[in-house]
Amino acid sequence: MTQANDLIAAWKSAAATVLDVRPTLERGDEPFVEIMEAAARVPQGESLVLIAPFEPAPLYGVLGGQGFSHVTQSVSASEWVIRFTRDQ
């Protein structure tokens, strides 16, 4: 797991924005608008690192349509880290 942790640490340190939506979801709120606002601020060539309690598969298509590619790392059953990079 150390290699995965090192990878995630590198993603976070290089990211334009790191957004952990777990507290939002724990409150029973929907983080979609928060995620879209954070993504809108990411310059071309930069990334948004998202931390969620599950794999947010629907975001892949939504952010893909806005010029983002993604790489996903499962840390545990309740922690997923996704790096969305604005390619366009």
C-alpha atoms as a PDB file:
ATOM      1  CA  MET A   1       0.000   0.000   0.000  1.00  0.00           C
ATOM      2  CA  THR A   2       2.995   2.323   0.427  1.00  0.00           C
ATOM      3  CA  GLN A   3       3.379   2.719  -3.324  1.00  0.00           C
ATOM      4  CA  ALA A   4      -0.293   3.720  -3.655  1.00  0.00           C
ATOM      5  CA  ASN A   5       0.046   6.159  -0.758  1.00  0.00           C
ATOM      6  CA  ASP A   6       3.129   7.705  -2.375  1.00  0.00           C
ATOM      7  CA  LEU A   7       1.270   8.032  -5.670  1.00  0.00           C
ATOM      8  CA  ILE A   8      -1.695   9.730  -3.997  1.00  0.00           C
ATOM      9  CA  ALA A   9       0.595  12.056  -2.047  1.00  0.00           C
ATOM     10  CA  ALA A  10       2.257  13.065  -5.327  1.00  0.00           C
ATOM     11  CA  TRP A  11      -1.143  13.691  -6.948  1.00  0.00           C
ATOM     12  CA  LYS A  12      -2.214  15.880  -4.028  1.00  0.00           C
ATOM     13  CA  SER A  13       0.983  17.926  -3.929  1.00  0.00           C
ATOM     14  CA  ALA A  14       0.855  18.628  -7.676  1.00  0.00           C
ATOM     15  CA  ALA A  15      -2.903  19.332  -7.860  1.00  0.00           C
ATOM     16  CA  ALA A  16      -4.395  22.753  -8.492  1.00  0.00           C
ATOM     17  CA  THR A  17      -7.208  21.698  -6.122  1.00  0.00           C
ATOM     18  CA  VAL A  18      -7.786  18.852  -3.671  1.00  0.00           C
ATOM     19  CA  LEU A  19     -11.437  18.317  -2.798  1.00  0.00           C
ATOM     20  CA  ASP A  20     -12.588  15.835  -0.159  1.00  0.00           C
ATOM     21  CA  VAL A  21     -16.345  15.343  -0.552  1.00  0.00           C
ATOM     22  CA  ARG A  22     -16.708  12.842   2.295  1.00  0.00           C
ATOM     23  CA  PRO A  23     -17.781  15.495   4.857  1.00  0.00           C
ATOM     24  CA  THR A  24     -20.376  16.862   2.420  1.00  0.00           C
ATOM     25  CA  LEU A  25     -21.835  13.399   1.884  1.00  0.00           C
ATOM     26  CA  GLU A  26     -21.749  12.641   5.634  1.00  0.00           C
ATOM     27  CA  ARG A  27     -23.980  15.699   6.187  1.00  0.00           C
ATOM     28  CA  GLY A  28     -26.414  14.235   3.660  1.00  0.00           C
ATOM     29  CA  ASP A  29     -25.656  16.908   1.066  1.00  0.00           C
ATOM     30  CA  GLU A  30     -24.944  16.401  -2.634  1.00  0.00           C
ATOM     31  CA  PRO A  31     -21.413  17.504  -3.660  1.00  0.00           C
ATOM     32  CA  PHE A  32     -22.029  17.757  -7.429  1.00  0.00           C
ATOM     33  CA  VAL A  33     -22.141  21.571  -7.580  1.00  0.00           C
ATOM     34  CA  GLU A  34     -19.070  21.817  -5.332  1.00  0.00           C
ATOM     35  CA  ILE A  35     -17.188  19.434  -7.635  1.00  0.00           C
ATOM     36  CA  MET A  36     -18.243  21.282 -10.799  1.00  0.00           C
ATOM     37  CA  GLU A  37     -17.210  24.644  -9.321  1.00  0.00           C
ATOM     38  CA  ALA A  38     -13.809  23.245  -8.325  1.00  0.00           C
ATOM     39  CA  ALA A  39     -13.336  21.674 -11.771  1.00  0.00           C
ATOM     40  CA  ALA A  40     -14.206  24.957 -13.497  1.00  0.00           C
ATOM     41  CA  ARG A  41     -11.252  26.624 -11.759  1.00  0.00           C
ATOM     42  CA  VAL A  42      -8.680  24.048 -12.915  1.00  0.00           C
ATOM     43  CA  PRO A  43      -6.430  25.462 -15.652  1.00  0.00           C
ATOM     44  CA  GLN A  44      -5.445  23.419 -18.707  1.00  0.00           C
ATOM     45  CA  GLY A  45      -2.710  20.940 -17.836  1.00  0.00           C
ATOM     46  CA  GLU A  46      -3.549  21.062 -14.126  1.00  0.00           C
ATOM     47  CA  SER A  47      -5.537  18.637 -12.019  1.00  0.00           C
ATOM     48  CA  LEU A  48      -8.282  18.292  -9.447  1.00  0.00           C
ATOM     49  CA  VAL A  49      -7.834  15.505  -6.907  1.00  0.00           C
ATOM     50  CA  LEU A  50     -11.156  14.264  -5.584  1.00  0.00           C
ATOM     51  CA  ILE A  51     -11.498  12.133  -2.448  1.00  0.00           C
ATOM     52  CA  ALA A  52     -14.772  10.229  -2.105  1.00  0.00           C
ATOM     53  CA  PRO A  53     -16.168   7.286  -0.112  1.00  0.00           C
ATOM     54  CA  PHE A  54     -17.037   5.419  -3.329  1.00  0.00           C
ATOM     55  CA  GLU A  55     -15.986   5.392  -6.967  1.00  0.00           C
ATOM     56  CA  PRO A  56     -17.754   8.381  -8.584  1.00  0.00           C
ATOM     57  CA  ALA A  57     -18.087   6.709 -11.987  1.00  0.00           C
ATOM     58  CA  PRO A  58     -20.745   9.134 -13.329  1.00  0.00           C
ATOM     59  CA  LEU A  59     -18.244  11.989 -12.992  1.00  0.00           C
ATOM     60  CA  TYR A  60     -15.926  10.346 -15.501  1.00  0.00           C
ATOM     61  CA  GLY A  61     -18.299  11.104 -18.356  1.00  0.00           C
ATOM     62  CA  VAL A  62     -19.354  14.523 -17.047  1.00  0.00           C
ATOM     63  CA  LEU A  63     -15.810  15.797 -16.545  1.00  0.00           C
ATOM     64  CA  GLY A  64     -14.595  13.928 -19.625  1.00  0.00           C
ATOM     65  CA  GLY A  65     -17.018  16.068 -21.608  1.00  0.00           C
ATOM     66  CA  GLN A  66     -15.294  19.130 -20.161  1.00  0.00           C
ATOM     67  CA  GLY A  67     -11.848  18.020 -21.316  1.00  0.00           C
ATOM     68  CA  PHE A  68     -10.688  16.038 -18.278  1.00  0.00           C
ATOM     69  CA  SER A  69      -9.026  12.643 -18.207  1.00  0.00           C
ATOM     70  CA  HIS A  70      -8.911  10.658 -14.983  1.00  0.00           C
ATOM     71  CA  VAL A  71      -6.902   8.128 -13.027  1.00  0.00           C
ATOM     72  CA  THR A  72      -8.505   6.310 -10.100  1.00  0.00           C
ATOM     73  CA  GLN A  73      -6.950   4.743  -7.026  1.00  0.00           C
ATOM     74  CA  SER A  74      -8.954   2.749  -4.479  1.00  0.00           C
ATOM     75  CA  VAL A  75      -7.406   3.228  -1.038  1.00  0.00           C
ATOM     76  CA  SER A  76     -10.015   1.152   0.801  1.00  0.00           C
ATOM     77  CA  ALA A  77     -13.639   0.109   0.386  1.00  0.00           C
ATOM     78  CA  SER A  78     -14.647   3.541   1.705  1.00  0.00           C
ATOM     79  CA  GLU A  79     -11.949   5.793   0.220  1.00  0.00           C
ATOM     80  CA  TRP A  80     -11.353   6.485  -3.444  1.00  0.00           C
ATOM     81  CA  VAL A  81      -8.946   9.079  -4.830  1.00  0.00           C
ATOM     82  CA  ILE A  82      -9.384  10.307  -8.383  1.00  0.00           C
ATOM     83  CA  ARG A  83      -7.085  12.660 -10.264  1.00  0.00           C
ATOM     84  CA  PHE A  84      -8.939  14.576 -12.964  1.00  0.00           C
ATOM     85  CA  THR A  85      -6.534  16.365 -15.317  1.00  0.00           C
ATOM     86  CA  ARG A  86      -7.750  19.071 -17.699  1.00  0.00           C
ATOM     87  CA  ASP A  87      -6.250  18.041 -21.017  1.00  0.00           C
ATOM     88  CA  GLN A  88      -8.126  20.623 -23.131  1.00  0.00           C
END
